[in-house]
Amino acid sequence: MTKIILSFSLLFAFSSGAYAAAKNPCEKIREACNSAGFMPGEASTNKGLVKNCLSVLMKGGSVPGITASNEDIQACKDNRAAKRARSKK
């Protein structure tokens, strides 16, 4: 019985993580930047989350220590464009 409960708990944990990533494709890229030490407000040390990591990747550049697929980057761009379009309505 304990194994069944544990299995369902793990299944729920992984599926909710996948749901969050599917809902916000930029989150996967943000997590990669955070894991490499990029943080909000650290642009003056060249470790700024947005300026030194996210923006560079979104513009097609590369950031040392970050691996982001073209599909993830495009999904993030599409998601951001859709949000901007909805906000203009």
N, C-alpha and C. Protein backbone atom coordinates (compact mmCIF):
# COMPACT_ATOMS: atom_id res chain seq x y z
N MET A 1 0.83 -1.20 0.00
CA MET A 1 0.00 0.00 0.00
C MET A 1 0.87 1.26 0.00
N THR A 2 1.94 1.24 0.78
CA THR A 2 2.83 2.39 0.84
C THR A 2 3.47 2.64 -0.52
N LYS A 3 3.83 1.56 -1.23
CA LYS A 3 4.43 1.71 -2.56
C LYS A 3 3.46 2.35 -3.53
N ILE A 4 2.19 2.03 -3.42
CA ILE A 4 1.18 2.61 -4.31
C ILE A 4 1.06 4.10 -4.05
N ILE A 5 0.99 4.47 -2.78
CA ILE A 5 0.87 5.89 -2.42
C ILE A 5 2.10 6.65 -2.88
N LEU A 6 3.28 6.07 -2.66
CA LEU A 6 4.51 6.71 -3.08
C LEU A 6 4.55 6.87 -4.61
N SER A 7 4.12 5.85 -5.33
CA SER A 7 4.09 5.92 -6.79
C SER A 7 3.19 7.04 -7.28
N PHE A 8 1.99 7.14 -6.68
CA PHE A 8 1.08 8.21 -7.07
C PHE A 8 1.63 9.58 -6.71
N SER A 9 2.31 9.66 -5.59
CA SER A 9 2.90 10.94 -5.18
C SER A 9 3.97 11.38 -6.17
N LEU A 10 4.84 10.44 -6.58
CA LEU A 10 5.88 10.77 -7.54
C LEU A 10 5.29 11.12 -8.90
N LEU A 11 4.28 10.37 -9.31
CA LEU A 11 3.62 10.66 -10.58
C LEU A 11 3.02 12.05 -10.57
N PHE A 12 2.36 12.41 -9.48
CA PHE A 12 1.76 13.74 -9.37
C PHE A 12 2.83 14.83 -9.38
N ALA A 13 3.93 14.60 -8.68
CA ALA A 13 5.00 15.60 -8.62
C ALA A 13 5.59 15.84 -9.99
N PHE A 14 5.86 14.78 -10.74
CA PHE A 14 6.44 14.95 -12.07
C PHE A 14 5.44 15.53 -13.05
N SER A 15 4.19 15.12 -12.96
CA SER A 15 3.20 15.64 -13.91
C SER A 15 2.89 17.10 -13.63
N SER A 16 2.89 17.52 -12.36
CA SER A 16 2.63 18.93 -12.07
C SER A 16 3.80 19.79 -12.53
N GLY A 17 5.03 19.27 -12.44
CA GLY A 17 6.19 20.00 -12.95
C GLY A 17 6.13 20.14 -14.46
N ALA A 18 5.71 19.08 -15.12
CA ALA A 18 5.58 19.13 -16.58
C ALA A 18 4.47 20.09 -16.98
N TYR A 19 3.40 20.13 -16.21
CA TYR A 19 2.31 21.05 -16.50
C TYR A 19 2.79 22.49 -16.36
N ALA A 20 3.55 22.77 -15.31
CA ALA A 20 4.05 24.13 -15.11
C ALA A 20 4.97 24.55 -16.25
N ALA A 21 5.83 23.63 -16.70
CA ALA A 21 6.74 23.95 -17.79
C ALA A 21 5.97 24.15 -19.10
N ALA A 22 4.92 23.34 -19.30
CA ALA A 22 4.13 23.48 -20.52
C ALA A 22 3.33 24.78 -20.49
N LYS A 23 2.89 25.16 -19.31
CA LYS A 23 2.10 26.38 -19.18
C LYS A 23 2.97 27.62 -19.40
N ASN A 24 4.20 27.59 -18.95
CA ASN A 24 5.11 28.71 -19.09
C ASN A 24 6.45 28.19 -19.63
N PRO A 25 6.61 28.18 -20.95
CA PRO A 25 7.84 27.63 -21.53
C PRO A 25 9.09 28.42 -21.16
N CYS A 26 8.95 29.65 -20.73
CA CYS A 26 10.12 30.45 -20.35
C CYS A 26 10.72 29.97 -19.02
N GLU A 27 9.93 29.26 -18.23
CA GLU A 27 10.39 28.83 -16.91
C GLU A 27 11.59 27.89 -17.01
N LYS A 28 11.61 27.02 -18.01
CA LYS A 28 12.73 26.09 -18.18
C LYS A 28 14.03 26.87 -18.43
N ILE A 29 13.95 27.91 -19.23
CA ILE A 29 15.13 28.73 -19.52
C ILE A 29 15.54 29.52 -18.29
N ARG A 30 14.56 30.06 -17.60
CA ARG A 30 14.84 30.82 -16.37
C ARG A 30 15.54 29.93 -15.34
N GLU A 31 15.08 28.70 -15.19
CA GLU A 31 15.70 27.77 -14.24
C GLU A 31 17.14 27.46 -14.63
N ALA A 32 17.40 27.31 -15.94
CA ALA A 32 18.78 27.06 -16.40
C ALA A 32 19.67 28.25 -16.06
N CYS A 33 19.16 29.46 -16.27
CA CYS A 33 19.93 30.66 -15.93
C CYS A 33 20.19 30.73 -14.43
N ASN A 34 19.17 30.47 -13.64
CA ASN A 34 19.34 30.49 -12.18
C ASN A 34 20.37 29.45 -11.73
N SER A 35 20.31 28.26 -12.33
CA SER A 35 21.25 27.20 -11.96
C SER A 35 22.69 27.58 -12.27
N ALA A 36 22.89 28.42 -13.27
CA ALA A 36 24.23 28.86 -13.65
C ALA A 36 24.67 30.09 -12.86
N GLY A 37 23.83 30.53 -11.92
CA GLY A 37 24.22 31.64 -11.05
C GLY A 37 23.72 33.00 -11.45
N PHE A 38 22.85 33.07 -12.45
CA PHE A 38 22.29 34.36 -12.86
C PHE A 38 21.08 34.67 -11.98
N MET A 39 21.07 35.87 -11.40
CA MET A 39 20.03 36.26 -10.45
C MET A 39 19.50 37.65 -10.76
N PRO A 40 18.24 37.92 -10.37
CA PRO A 40 17.69 39.26 -10.56
C PRO A 40 18.53 40.30 -9.82
N GLY A 41 18.76 41.43 -10.46
CA GLY A 41 19.46 42.53 -9.81
C GLY A 41 20.97 42.42 -9.80
N GLU A 42 21.53 41.47 -10.51
CA GLU A 42 22.98 41.28 -10.51
C GLU A 42 23.64 41.69 -11.82
N ALA A 43 22.99 42.54 -12.60
CA ALA A 43 23.53 42.95 -13.90
C ALA A 43 24.88 43.65 -13.75
N SER A 44 25.09 44.37 -12.67
CA SER A 44 26.36 45.09 -12.49
C SER A 44 27.54 44.13 -12.33
N THR A 45 27.26 42.87 -11.98
CA THR A 45 28.32 41.87 -11.84
C THR A 45 28.33 40.92 -13.04
N ASN A 46 27.59 41.28 -14.09
CA ASN A 46 27.45 40.45 -15.29
C ASN A 46 26.79 39.11 -15.01
N LYS A 47 26.02 39.03 -13.94
CA LYS A 47 25.28 37.82 -13.60
C LYS A 47 23.80 38.12 -13.46
N GLY A 48 23.32 39.15 -14.18
CA GLY A 48 21.91 39.53 -14.12
C GLY A 48 21.04 38.53 -14.86
N LEU A 49 19.96 38.11 -14.24
CA LEU A 49 19.08 37.10 -14.83
C LEU A 49 18.54 37.53 -16.19
N VAL A 50 17.98 38.73 -16.25
CA VAL A 50 17.36 39.18 -17.50
C VAL A 50 18.41 39.71 -18.47
N LYS A 51 19.19 40.70 -18.05
CA LYS A 51 20.12 41.36 -18.96
C LYS A 51 21.22 40.44 -19.48
N ASN A 52 21.79 39.64 -18.61
CA ASN A 52 22.96 38.85 -18.99
C ASN A 52 22.66 37.42 -19.39
N CYS A 53 21.42 36.98 -19.20
CA CYS A 53 21.10 35.59 -19.56
C CYS A 53 19.86 35.51 -20.46
N LEU A 54 18.70 35.83 -19.93
CA LEU A 54 17.46 35.67 -20.70
C LEU A 54 17.46 36.49 -21.98
N SER A 55 17.80 37.75 -21.89
CA SER A 55 17.78 38.62 -23.08
C SER A 55 18.77 38.15 -24.13
N VAL A 56 19.94 37.73 -23.70
CA VAL A 56 20.96 37.24 -24.64
C VAL A 56 20.45 36.01 -25.38
N LEU A 57 19.86 35.08 -24.65
CA LEU A 57 19.34 33.87 -25.27
C LEU A 57 18.18 34.17 -26.21
N MET A 58 17.30 35.08 -25.82
CA MET A 58 16.15 35.41 -26.66
C MET A 58 16.57 36.09 -27.97
N LYS A 59 17.73 36.74 -27.95
CA LYS A 59 18.24 37.41 -29.15
C LYS A 59 19.11 36.47 -30.00
N GLY A 60 19.18 35.20 -29.63
CA GLY A 60 19.93 34.23 -30.41
C GLY A 60 21.38 34.05 -29.99
N GLY A 61 21.78 34.72 -28.93
CA GLY A 61 23.15 34.60 -28.46
C GLY A 61 23.35 33.37 -27.59
N SER A 62 24.56 33.17 -27.15
CA SER A 62 24.84 32.06 -26.25
C SER A 62 25.40 32.60 -24.94
N VAL A 63 25.15 31.85 -23.90
CA VAL A 63 25.62 32.22 -22.56
C VAL A 63 26.41 31.04 -22.03
N PRO A 64 27.66 31.26 -21.61
CA PRO A 64 28.47 30.16 -21.09
C PRO A 64 27.77 29.46 -19.92
N GLY A 65 27.74 28.15 -19.99
CA GLY A 65 27.13 27.36 -18.91
C GLY A 65 25.64 27.12 -19.06
N ILE A 66 25.04 27.66 -20.12
CA ILE A 66 23.60 27.51 -20.33
C ILE A 66 23.36 26.72 -21.60
N THR A 67 22.53 25.70 -21.48
CA THR A 67 22.10 24.95 -22.66
C THR A 67 20.59 25.11 -22.77
N ALA A 68 20.16 25.77 -23.82
CA ALA A 68 18.73 25.96 -24.07
C ALA A 68 18.47 25.61 -25.53
N SER A 69 17.49 24.76 -25.75
CA SER A 69 17.21 24.34 -27.12
C SER A 69 16.51 25.46 -27.89
N ASN A 70 16.66 25.42 -29.20
CA ASN A 70 15.98 26.40 -30.05
C ASN A 70 14.47 26.30 -29.89
N GLU A 71 13.97 25.08 -29.67
CA GLU A 71 12.53 24.88 -29.48
C GLU A 71 12.04 25.57 -28.22
N ASP A 72 12.81 25.45 -27.14
CA ASP A 72 12.43 26.11 -25.88
C ASP A 72 12.44 27.62 -26.03
N ILE A 73 13.45 28.13 -26.70
CA ILE A 73 13.55 29.58 -26.90
C ILE A 73 12.40 30.08 -27.76
N GLN A 74 12.09 29.36 -28.84
CA GLN A 74 10.99 29.77 -29.70
C GLN A 74 9.66 29.69 -28.97
N ALA A 75 9.45 28.64 -28.16
CA ALA A 75 8.21 28.51 -27.38
C ALA A 75 8.07 29.66 -26.40
N CYS A 76 9.17 30.08 -25.80
CA CYS A 76 9.15 31.21 -24.88
C CYS A 76 8.79 32.49 -25.62
N LYS A 77 9.41 32.71 -26.78
CA LYS A 77 9.10 33.90 -27.59
C LYS A 77 7.63 33.91 -27.99
N ASP A 78 7.12 32.76 -28.42
CA ASP A 78 5.72 32.66 -28.82
C ASP A 78 4.79 32.96 -27.65
N ASN A 79 5.15 32.44 -26.49
CA ASN A 79 4.34 32.66 -25.28
C ASN A 79 4.30 34.14 -24.92
N ARG A 80 5.45 34.79 -24.99
CA ARG A 80 5.52 36.23 -24.67
C ARG A 80 4.73 37.06 -25.67
N ALA A 81 4.82 36.69 -26.96
CA ALA A 81 4.07 37.41 -28.00
C ALA A 81 2.57 37.24 -27.79
N ALA A 82 2.14 36.05 -27.42
CA ALA A 82 0.72 35.80 -27.17
C ALA A 82 0.23 36.62 -25.98
N LYS A 83 1.05 36.71 -24.94
CA LYS A 83 0.67 37.52 -23.76
C LYS A 83 0.54 39.00 -24.14
N ARG A 84 1.47 39.49 -24.96
CA ARG A 84 1.40 40.90 -25.38
C ARG A 84 0.15 41.14 -26.22
N ALA A 85 -0.18 40.21 -27.09
CA ALA A 85 -1.37 40.34 -27.94
C ALA A 85 -2.64 40.36 -27.11
N ARG A 86 -2.69 39.51 -26.09
CA ARG A 86 -3.88 39.48 -25.20
C ARG A 86 -4.00 40.77 -24.40
N SER A 87 -2.87 41.33 -24.00
CA SER A 87 -2.92 42.55 -23.18
C SER A 87 -3.34 43.78 -23.99
N LYS A 88 -3.18 43.73 -25.31
CA LYS A 88 -3.56 44.85 -26.16
C LYS A 88 -5.06 44.86 -26.48
N LYS A 89 -5.74 43.76 -26.21
CA LYS A 89 -7.18 43.69 -26.52
C LYS A 89 -7.99 44.47 -25.56
